[in-house]
Amino acid sequence: MKLLLKNELIKLKRLKMVYVILIVSLLPYVINTGGALIVSGDMNADKYYYFVFNQYAILFPTLVFIFTGFFFYTEFQNRTTLNWMSYPFDNFKLIGAKMIAAFILLIGTSILNHFIHLVTLILVFRNEAEMMIPAKFFTSFLFSSLTLLIIPVAALLVFMTRNILSVVIAGVAFIFITTILLGADFSIAFPFSFIYRLSIQFYDASMGYDSMNLEVWGFIILFAYIIISLLGLYKYSRNTRMN
């Protein structure tokens, strides 16, 4: 598995898409930091943190979905899937290594974003008495970590459609679905809305769910998405006619 992971990380180095993801992921920080500096009199630490986090939380799931889809689709685009799957390794391990490589890259990008965001928060609003930095970091990190668990869903969609456009459309559609469902309790049915509200409650409890039962069901549904996707990928990994 270590060799397979190393091979996938080497592939990542060659992808220009990696730099696109990094640049786009920084847009919420750049836009809101610029705005905070321009209207510094109307901005405080809590507003600044929330504005950046809120935009990042809407954008990041889309980036995760699109990048994962693109990373897997390159095997189909370059017509290397048959060779890739003919390696003397279990096919499901090959898929797993690719997902882990995507996870490593995206969690690294996310941590970099959060670090820059919170350091700026400290430097710009250092005179404010309480900034609750640990709670803010935990909220941001929890959101990113849970969001990355959806990587298998994006991978499965690529295997099912063999079309990167379908993944891009799904990723963009998630922005609208997330924002529409956020205020409702049935948002637990959609993973990104659920993850948003679950995470933000550690920063602002009023934005979380009122019932523990909703959170439990949200976790059950979230892991159902993951398990079903992994089972689907396992099924595809046993398909000897993949090309």
C-alpha atoms as a PDB file:
ATOM      1  CA  MET A   1       0.000   0.000   0.000  1.00  0.00           C
ATOM      2  CA  LYS A   2       2.887   2.336   0.784  1.00  0.00           C
ATOM      3  CA  LEU A   3       4.278   1.883  -2.736  1.00  0.00           C
ATOM      4  CA  LEU A   4       0.882   2.554  -4.292  1.00  0.00           C
ATOM      5  CA  LEU A   5       0.424   5.704  -2.236  1.00  0.00           C
ATOM      6  CA  LYS A   6       3.883   6.941  -3.186  1.00  0.00           C
ATOM      7  CA  ASN A   7       3.034   6.382  -6.853  1.00  0.00           C
ATOM      8  CA  GLU A   8      -0.190   8.415  -6.538  1.00  0.00           C
ATOM      9  CA  LEU A   9       1.585  11.248  -4.743  1.00  0.00           C
ATOM     10  CA  ILE A  10       4.081  11.396  -7.602  1.00  0.00           C
ATOM     11  CA  LYS A  11       1.150  11.692 -10.022  1.00  0.00           C
ATOM     12  CA  LEU A  12      -0.178  14.595  -7.979  1.00  0.00           C
ATOM     13  CA  LYS A  13       3.088  16.487  -8.463  1.00  0.00           C
ATOM     14  CA  ARG A  14       2.512  16.458 -12.215  1.00  0.00           C
ATOM     15  CA  LEU A  15      -1.034  17.799 -12.070  1.00  0.00           C
ATOM     16  CA  LYS A  16      -1.421  21.530 -12.690  1.00  0.00           C
ATOM     17  CA  MET A  17      -4.897  21.154 -11.201  1.00  0.00           C
ATOM     18  CA  VAL A  18      -3.220  21.029  -7.773  1.00  0.00           C
ATOM     19  CA  TYR A  19      -2.161  24.676  -8.092  1.00  0.00           C
ATOM     20  CA  VAL A  20      -5.598  25.684  -9.353  1.00  0.00           C
ATOM     21  CA  ILE A  21      -7.219  24.119  -6.280  1.00  0.00           C
ATOM     22  CA  LEU A  22      -4.773  25.884  -3.949  1.00  0.00           C
ATOM     23  CA  ILE A  23      -5.360  29.289  -5.546  1.00  0.00           C
ATOM     24  CA  VAL A  24      -9.148  28.948  -5.687  1.00  0.00           C
ATOM     25  CA  SER A  25      -9.307  27.702  -2.081  1.00  0.00           C
ATOM     26  CA  LEU A  26      -7.636  30.945  -0.948  1.00  0.00           C
ATOM     27  CA  LEU A  27     -10.246  33.181  -2.602  1.00  0.00           C
ATOM     28  CA  PRO A  28     -12.539  33.426   0.480  1.00  0.00           C
ATOM     29  CA  TYR A  29      -9.536  34.511   2.559  1.00  0.00           C
ATOM     30  CA  VAL A  30      -8.238  37.003  -0.015  1.00  0.00           C
ATOM     31  CA  ILE A  31     -11.637  38.585  -0.720  1.00  0.00           C
ATOM     32  CA  ASN A  32     -12.698  38.934   2.915  1.00  0.00           C
ATOM     33  CA  THR A  33      -9.287  40.006   4.189  1.00  0.00           C
ATOM     34  CA  GLY A  34      -9.199  42.738   1.570  1.00  0.00           C
ATOM     35  CA  GLY A  35     -12.695  43.770   2.600  1.00  0.00           C
ATOM     36  CA  ALA A  36     -11.741  43.755   6.286  1.00  0.00           C
ATOM     37  CA  LEU A  37      -8.787  46.057   5.646  1.00  0.00           C
ATOM     38  CA  ILE A  38     -10.902  48.461   3.591  1.00  0.00           C
ATOM     39  CA  VAL A  39     -13.775  48.686   6.088  1.00  0.00           C
ATOM     40  CA  SER A  40     -11.752  48.055   9.239  1.00  0.00           C
ATOM     41  CA  GLY A  41     -14.009  50.285  11.332  1.00  0.00           C
ATOM     42  CA  ASP A  42     -17.053  48.064  10.715  1.00  0.00           C
ATOM     43  CA  MET A  43     -15.225  44.754  11.061  1.00  0.00           C
ATOM     44  CA  ASN A  44     -14.407  42.780  14.191  1.00  0.00           C
ATOM     45  CA  ALA A  45     -12.759  39.420  14.842  1.00  0.00           C
ATOM     46  CA  ASP A  46     -15.998  37.428  14.954  1.00  0.00           C
ATOM     47  CA  LYS A  47     -17.366  38.928  11.742  1.00  0.00           C
ATOM     48  CA  TYR A  48     -14.068  38.437   9.944  1.00  0.00           C
ATOM     49  CA  TYR A  49     -13.765  34.809  11.021  1.00  0.00           C
ATOM     50  CA  TYR A  50     -17.363  34.008  10.130  1.00  0.00           C
ATOM     51  CA  PHE A  51     -17.261  35.667   6.700  1.00  0.00           C
ATOM     52  CA  VAL A  52     -14.147  33.743   5.667  1.00  0.00           C
ATOM     53  CA  PHE A  53     -15.316  30.455   7.181  1.00  0.00           C
ATOM     54  CA  ASN A  54     -18.790  30.736   5.691  1.00  0.00           C
ATOM     55  CA  GLN A  55     -17.544  31.291   2.135  1.00  0.00           C
ATOM     56  CA  TYR A  56     -14.841  28.652   2.526  1.00  0.00           C
ATOM     57  CA  ALA A  57     -17.391  26.149   3.870  1.00  0.00           C
ATOM     58  CA  ILE A  58     -19.561  26.645   0.790  1.00  0.00           C
ATOM     59  CA  LEU A  59     -16.631  26.457  -1.649  1.00  0.00           C
ATOM     60  CA  PHE A  60     -14.467  23.678  -0.167  1.00  0.00           C
ATOM     61  CA  PRO A  61     -16.886  20.742  -0.678  1.00  0.00           C
ATOM     62  CA  THR A  62     -17.160  21.706  -4.348  1.00  0.00           C
ATOM     63  CA  LEU A  63     -13.375  21.796  -4.681  1.00  0.00           C
ATOM     64  CA  VAL A  64     -13.088  18.407  -2.988  1.00  0.00           C
ATOM     65  CA  PHE A  65     -15.650  16.883  -5.308  1.00  0.00           C
ATOM     66  CA  ILE A  66     -14.252  18.391  -8.499  1.00  0.00           C
ATOM     67  CA  PHE A  67     -10.598  17.667  -7.690  1.00  0.00           C
ATOM     68  CA  THR A  68     -11.267  14.062  -6.663  1.00  0.00           C
ATOM     69  CA  GLY A  69     -13.296  13.541  -9.801  1.00  0.00           C
ATOM     70  CA  PHE A  70     -10.566  15.079 -11.951  1.00  0.00           C
ATOM     71  CA  PHE A  71      -7.834  13.009 -10.253  1.00  0.00           C
ATOM     72  CA  PHE A  72      -9.663   9.762 -11.037  1.00  0.00           C
ATOM     73  CA  TYR A  73     -10.845  10.900 -14.445  1.00  0.00           C
ATOM     74  CA  THR A  74      -7.247  11.414 -15.625  1.00  0.00           C
ATOM     75  CA  GLU A  75      -6.930   7.616 -15.686  1.00  0.00           C
ATOM     76  CA  PHE A  76      -9.852   7.409 -18.128  1.00  0.00           C
ATOM     77  CA  GLN A  77      -8.800  10.505 -20.075  1.00  0.00           C
ATOM     78  CA  ASN A  78      -5.265   9.196 -20.620  1.00  0.00           C
ATOM     79  CA  ARG A  79      -6.611   5.705 -21.320  1.00  0.00           C
ATOM     80  CA  THR A  80      -4.405   4.325 -18.565  1.00  0.00           C
ATOM     81  CA  THR A  81      -7.181   2.711 -16.523  1.00  0.00           C
ATOM     82  CA  LEU A  82      -6.636  -0.736 -18.015  1.00  0.00           C
ATOM     83  CA  ASN A  83      -2.892  -0.560 -17.292  1.00  0.00           C
ATOM     84  CA  TRP A  84      -3.570   0.937 -13.873  1.00  0.00           C
ATOM     85  CA  MET A  85      -5.953  -1.874 -12.973  1.00  0.00           C
ATOM     86  CA  SER A  86      -3.586  -4.531 -14.377  1.00  0.00           C
ATOM     87  CA  TYR A  87      -0.899  -3.769 -11.790  1.00  0.00           C
ATOM     88  CA  PRO A  88      -0.029  -6.799  -9.625  1.00  0.00           C
ATOM     89  CA  PHE A  89      -2.003  -5.323  -6.738  1.00  0.00           C
ATOM     90  CA  ASP A  90      -5.566  -5.602  -5.549  1.00  0.00           C
ATOM     91  CA  ASN A  91      -7.652  -3.139  -7.580  1.00  0.00           C
ATOM     92  CA  PHE A  92      -9.478  -1.835  -4.529  1.00  0.00           C
ATOM     93  CA  LYS A  93      -6.104  -0.982  -2.962  1.00  0.00           C
ATOM     94  CA  LEU A  94      -5.270   1.033  -6.084  1.00  0.00           C
ATOM     95  CA  ILE A  95      -8.482   2.998  -5.714  1.00  0.00           C
ATOM     96  CA  GLY A  96      -7.867   3.375  -1.989  1.00  0.00           C
ATOM     97  CA  ALA A  97      -4.347   4.718  -2.547  1.00  0.00           C
ATOM     98  CA  LYS A  98      -5.687   7.302  -4.988  1.00  0.00           C
ATOM     99  CA  MET A  99      -8.327   8.433  -2.485  1.00  0.00           C
ATOM    100  CA  ILE A 100      -5.753   8.674   0.323  1.00  0.00           C
ATOM    101  CA  ALA A 101      -3.454  10.751  -1.906  1.00  0.00           C
ATOM    102  CA  ALA A 102      -6.331  13.117  -2.674  1.00  0.00           C
ATOM    103  CA  PHE A 103      -7.118  13.301   1.051  1.00  0.00           C
ATOM    104  CA  ILE A 104      -3.507  14.162   1.941  1.00  0.00           C
ATOM    105  CA  LEU A 105      -3.342  16.934  -0.640  1.00  0.00           C
ATOM    106  CA  LEU A 106      -6.713  18.440   0.265  1.00  0.00           C
ATOM    107  CA  ILE A 107      -6.240  18.273   4.041  1.00  0.00           C
ATOM    108  CA  GLY A 108      -2.853  19.953   3.583  1.00  0.00           C
ATOM    109  CA  THR A 109      -4.452  22.692   1.476  1.00  0.00           C
ATOM    110  CA  SER A 110      -7.179  23.105   4.063  1.00  0.00           C
ATOM    111  CA  ILE A 111      -4.789  23.347   7.037  1.00  0.00           C
ATOM    112  CA  LEU A 112      -2.753  25.950   5.163  1.00  0.00           C
ATOM    113  CA  ASN A 113      -5.925  27.979   4.573  1.00  0.00           C
ATOM    114  CA  HIS A 114      -6.983  27.781   8.216  1.00  0.00           C
ATOM    115  CA  PHE A 115      -3.497  28.641   9.470  1.00  0.00           C
ATOM    116  CA  ILE A 116      -3.228  31.742   7.254  1.00  0.00           C
ATOM    117  CA  HIS A 117      -6.777  32.750   8.175  1.00  0.00           C
ATOM    118  CA  LEU A 118      -6.252  32.505  11.947  1.00  0.00           C
ATOM    119  CA  VAL A 119      -2.801  34.096  11.921  1.00  0.00           C
ATOM    120  CA  THR A 120      -4.280  37.059  10.043  1.00  0.00           C
ATOM    121  CA  LEU A 121      -7.111  37.143  12.562  1.00  0.00           C
ATOM    122  CA  ILE A 122      -4.612  37.438  15.419  1.00  0.00           C
ATOM    123  CA  LEU A 123      -2.459  40.056  13.702  1.00  0.00           C
ATOM    124  CA  VAL A 124      -5.286  42.294  12.494  1.00  0.00           C
ATOM    125  CA  PHE A 125      -7.532  42.058  15.570  1.00  0.00           C
ATOM    126  CA  ARG A 126      -4.866  41.565  18.247  1.00  0.00           C
ATOM    127  CA  ASN A 127      -6.366  44.306  20.452  1.00  0.00           C
ATOM    128  CA  GLU A 128      -9.627  42.451  20.952  1.00  0.00           C
ATOM    129  CA  ALA A 129      -9.857  40.702  24.304  1.00  0.00           C
ATOM    130  CA  GLU A 130     -11.454  37.383  23.289  1.00  0.00           C
ATOM    131  CA  MET A 131     -11.001  35.752  19.931  1.00  0.00           C
ATOM    132  CA  MET A 132     -11.532  32.115  20.959  1.00  0.00           C
ATOM    133  CA  ILE A 133      -8.810  30.931  18.601  1.00  0.00           C
ATOM    134  CA  PRO A 134      -8.936  27.246  19.713  1.00  0.00           C
ATOM    135  CA  ALA A 135     -12.714  27.079  19.091  1.00  0.00           C
ATOM    136  CA  LYS A 136     -12.323  28.765  15.715  1.00  0.00           C
ATOM    137  CA  PHE A 137      -9.531  26.418  14.635  1.00  0.00           C
ATOM    138  CA  PHE A 138     -11.462  23.359  15.830  1.00  0.00           C
ATOM    139  CA  THR A 139     -14.559  24.480  13.926  1.00  0.00           C
ATOM    140  CA  SER A 140     -12.600  24.993  10.694  1.00  0.00           C
ATOM    141  CA  PHE A 141     -10.553  21.801  11.014  1.00  0.00           C
ATOM    142  CA  LEU A 142     -13.580  19.669  11.919  1.00  0.00           C
ATOM    143  CA  PHE A 143     -15.476  20.965   8.908  1.00  0.00           C
ATOM    144  CA  SER A 144     -12.616  20.192   6.505  1.00  0.00           C
ATOM    145  CA  SER A 145     -11.914  16.742   7.977  1.00  0.00           C
ATOM    146  CA  LEU A 146     -15.548  15.611   7.794  1.00  0.00           C
ATOM    147  CA  THR A 147     -15.963  17.050   4.294  1.00  0.00           C
ATOM    148  CA  LEU A 148     -13.033  14.992   3.040  1.00  0.00           C
ATOM    149  CA  LEU A 149     -14.834  11.802   4.068  1.00  0.00           C
ATOM    150  CA  ILE A 150     -17.018  12.360   0.994  1.00  0.00           C
ATOM    151  CA  ILE A 151     -14.100  11.652  -1.375  1.00  0.00           C
ATOM    152  CA  PRO A 152     -15.410   8.109  -2.136  1.00  0.00           C
ATOM    153  CA  VAL A 153     -18.713   9.583  -3.382  1.00  0.00           C
ATOM    154  CA  ALA A 154     -16.895  11.702  -5.971  1.00  0.00           C
ATOM    155  CA  ALA A 155     -14.718   8.742  -6.992  1.00  0.00           C
ATOM    156  CA  LEU A 156     -17.764   6.520  -7.447  1.00  0.00           C
ATOM    157  CA  LEU A 157     -19.513   9.127  -9.616  1.00  0.00           C
ATOM    158  CA  VAL A 158     -16.509   9.169 -11.971  1.00  0.00           C
ATOM    159  CA  PHE A 159     -16.514   5.384 -12.270  1.00  0.00           C
ATOM    160  CA  MET A 160     -20.256   5.373 -12.921  1.00  0.00           C
ATOM    161  CA  THR A 161     -20.301   8.125 -15.553  1.00  0.00           C
ATOM    162  CA  ARG A 162     -16.745   8.160 -16.973  1.00  0.00           C
ATOM    163  CA  ASN A 163     -17.469  11.862 -17.466  1.00  0.00           C
ATOM    164  CA  ILE A 164     -15.744  14.721 -15.640  1.00  0.00           C
ATOM    165  CA  LEU A 165     -18.529  17.125 -16.615  1.00  0.00           C
ATOM    166  CA  SER A 166     -21.004  15.214 -14.469  1.00  0.00           C
ATOM    167  CA  VAL A 167     -18.702  15.605 -11.460  1.00  0.00           C
ATOM    168  CA  VAL A 168     -18.216  19.327 -12.102  1.00  0.00           C
ATOM    169  CA  ILE A 169     -21.969  19.875 -12.428  1.00  0.00           C
ATOM    170  CA  ALA A 170     -22.600  17.916  -9.232  1.00  0.00           C
ATOM    171  CA  GLY A 171     -19.905  19.881  -7.402  1.00  0.00           C
ATOM    172  CA  VAL A 172     -21.339  23.240  -8.443  1.00  0.00           C
ATOM    173  CA  ALA A 173     -24.896  22.095  -7.680  1.00  0.00           C
ATOM    174  CA  PHE A 174     -23.807  21.290  -4.128  1.00  0.00           C
ATOM    175  CA  ILE A 175     -23.218  25.007  -3.497  1.00  0.00           C
ATOM    176  CA  PHE A 176     -26.882  25.749  -4.104  1.00  0.00           C
ATOM    177  CA  ILE A 177     -28.190  22.643  -2.327  1.00  0.00           C
ATOM    178  CA  THR A 178     -26.086  23.374   0.762  1.00  0.00           C
ATOM    179  CA  THR A 179     -27.266  26.968   1.072  1.00  0.00           C
ATOM    180  CA  ILE A 180     -30.928  26.042   0.466  1.00  0.00           C
ATOM    181  CA  LEU A 181     -30.988  23.288   3.096  1.00  0.00           C
ATOM    182  CA  LEU A 182     -28.875  24.913   5.814  1.00  0.00           C
ATOM    183  CA  GLY A 183     -31.716  26.311   7.903  1.00  0.00           C
ATOM    184  CA  ALA A 184     -33.869  23.170   7.928  1.00  0.00           C
ATOM    185  CA  ASP A 185     -33.638  20.138  10.197  1.00  0.00           C
ATOM    186  CA  PHE A 186     -33.848  17.816   7.185  1.00  0.00           C
ATOM    187  CA  SER A 187     -30.455  19.207   6.137  1.00  0.00           C
ATOM    188  CA  ILE A 188     -29.112  16.100   7.907  1.00  0.00           C
ATOM    189  CA  ALA A 189     -30.002  14.235   4.701  1.00  0.00           C
ATOM    190  CA  PHE A 190     -27.398  16.179   2.708  1.00  0.00           C
ATOM    191  CA  PRO A 191     -23.844  15.609   3.964  1.00  0.00           C
ATOM    192  CA  PHE A 192     -22.364  19.064   3.316  1.00  0.00           C
ATOM    193  CA  SER A 193     -25.248  20.908   4.997  1.00  0.00           C
ATOM    194  CA  PHE A 194     -25.044  18.551   7.957  1.00  0.00           C
ATOM    195  CA  ILE A 195     -21.263  18.931   8.264  1.00  0.00           C
ATOM    196  CA  TYR A 196     -21.560  22.718   8.121  1.00  0.00           C
ATOM    197  CA  ARG A 197     -24.088  22.939  10.948  1.00  0.00           C
ATOM    198  CA  LEU A 198     -22.366  20.292  13.036  1.00  0.00           C
ATOM    199  CA  SER A 199     -19.049  22.149  12.818  1.00  0.00           C
ATOM    200  CA  ILE A 200     -20.265  25.733  13.216  1.00  0.00           C
ATOM    201  CA  GLN A 201     -21.951  24.936  16.537  1.00  0.00           C
ATOM    202  CA  PHE A 202     -18.543  24.831  18.232  1.00  0.00           C
ATOM    203  CA  TYR A 203     -18.160  28.468  17.240  1.00  0.00           C
ATOM    204  CA  ASP A 204     -21.789  29.522  17.628  1.00  0.00           C
ATOM    205  CA  ALA A 205     -24.062  27.030  19.401  1.00  0.00           C
ATOM    206  CA  SER A 206     -27.199  28.759  18.121  1.00  0.00           C
ATOM    207  CA  MET A 207     -26.370  27.698  14.555  1.00  0.00           C
ATOM    208  CA  GLY A 208     -26.240  23.989  15.365  1.00  0.00           C
ATOM    209  CA  TYR A 209     -29.049  21.445  15.657  1.00  0.00           C
ATOM    210  CA  ASP A 210     -31.435  21.676  18.593  1.00  0.00           C
ATOM    211  CA  SER A 211     -31.665  17.932  19.085  1.00  0.00           C
ATOM    212  CA  MET A 212     -28.967  15.338  19.699  1.00  0.00           C
ATOM    213  CA  ASN A 213     -31.136  12.850  17.818  1.00  0.00           C
ATOM    214  CA  LEU A 214     -30.792  14.952  14.666  1.00  0.00           C
ATOM    215  CA  GLU A 215     -27.011  14.884  14.976  1.00  0.00           C
ATOM    216  CA  VAL A 216     -27.006  11.114  15.509  1.00  0.00           C
ATOM    217  CA  TRP A 217     -29.192  10.582  12.446  1.00  0.00           C
ATOM    218  CA  GLY A 218     -27.010  13.000  10.522  1.00  0.00           C
ATOM    219  CA  PHE A 219     -23.945  10.893  11.305  1.00  0.00           C
ATOM    220  CA  ILE A 220     -25.788   7.706  10.343  1.00  0.00           C
ATOM    221  CA  ILE A 221     -26.774   9.191   6.981  1.00  0.00           C
ATOM    222  CA  LEU A 222     -23.270  10.581   6.414  1.00  0.00           C
ATOM    223  CA  PHE A 223     -21.631   7.215   7.019  1.00  0.00           C
ATOM    224  CA  ALA A 224     -24.284   5.524   4.876  1.00  0.00           C
ATOM    225  CA  TYR A 225     -23.135   7.712   1.951  1.00  0.00           C
ATOM    226  CA  ILE A 226     -19.540   6.703   2.617  1.00  0.00           C
ATOM    227  CA  ILE A 227     -20.197   2.976   3.046  1.00  0.00           C
ATOM    228  CA  ILE A 228     -22.434   2.755  -0.028  1.00  0.00           C
ATOM    229  CA  SER A 229     -19.799   4.587  -2.083  1.00  0.00           C
ATOM    230  CA  LEU A 230     -17.026   2.299  -0.868  1.00  0.00           C
ATOM    231  CA  LEU A 231     -19.123  -0.750  -1.693  1.00  0.00           C
ATOM    232  CA  GLY A 232     -19.761   0.677  -5.152  1.00  0.00           C
ATOM    233  CA  LEU A 233     -16.052   1.271  -5.672  1.00  0.00           C
ATOM    234  CA  TYR A 234     -15.305  -2.248  -4.464  1.00  0.00           C
ATOM    235  CA  LYS A 235     -17.747  -3.595  -7.038  1.00  0.00           C
ATOM    236  CA  TYR A 236     -16.071  -1.601  -9.808  1.00  0.00           C
ATOM    237  CA  SER A 237     -12.653  -2.793  -8.640  1.00  0.00           C
ATOM    238  CA  ARG A 238     -13.768  -6.365  -9.296  1.00  0.00           C
ATOM    239  CA  ASN A 239     -14.829  -5.519 -12.843  1.00  0.00           C
ATOM    240  CA  THR A 240     -12.145  -7.065 -15.073  1.00  0.00           C
ATOM    241  CA  ARG A 241     -13.485  -5.202 -18.136  1.00  0.00           C
ATOM    242  CA  MET A 242     -12.645  -1.722 -16.869  1.00  0.00           C
ATOM    243  CA  ASN A 243     -10.955   0.484 -19.448  1.00  0.00           C
END
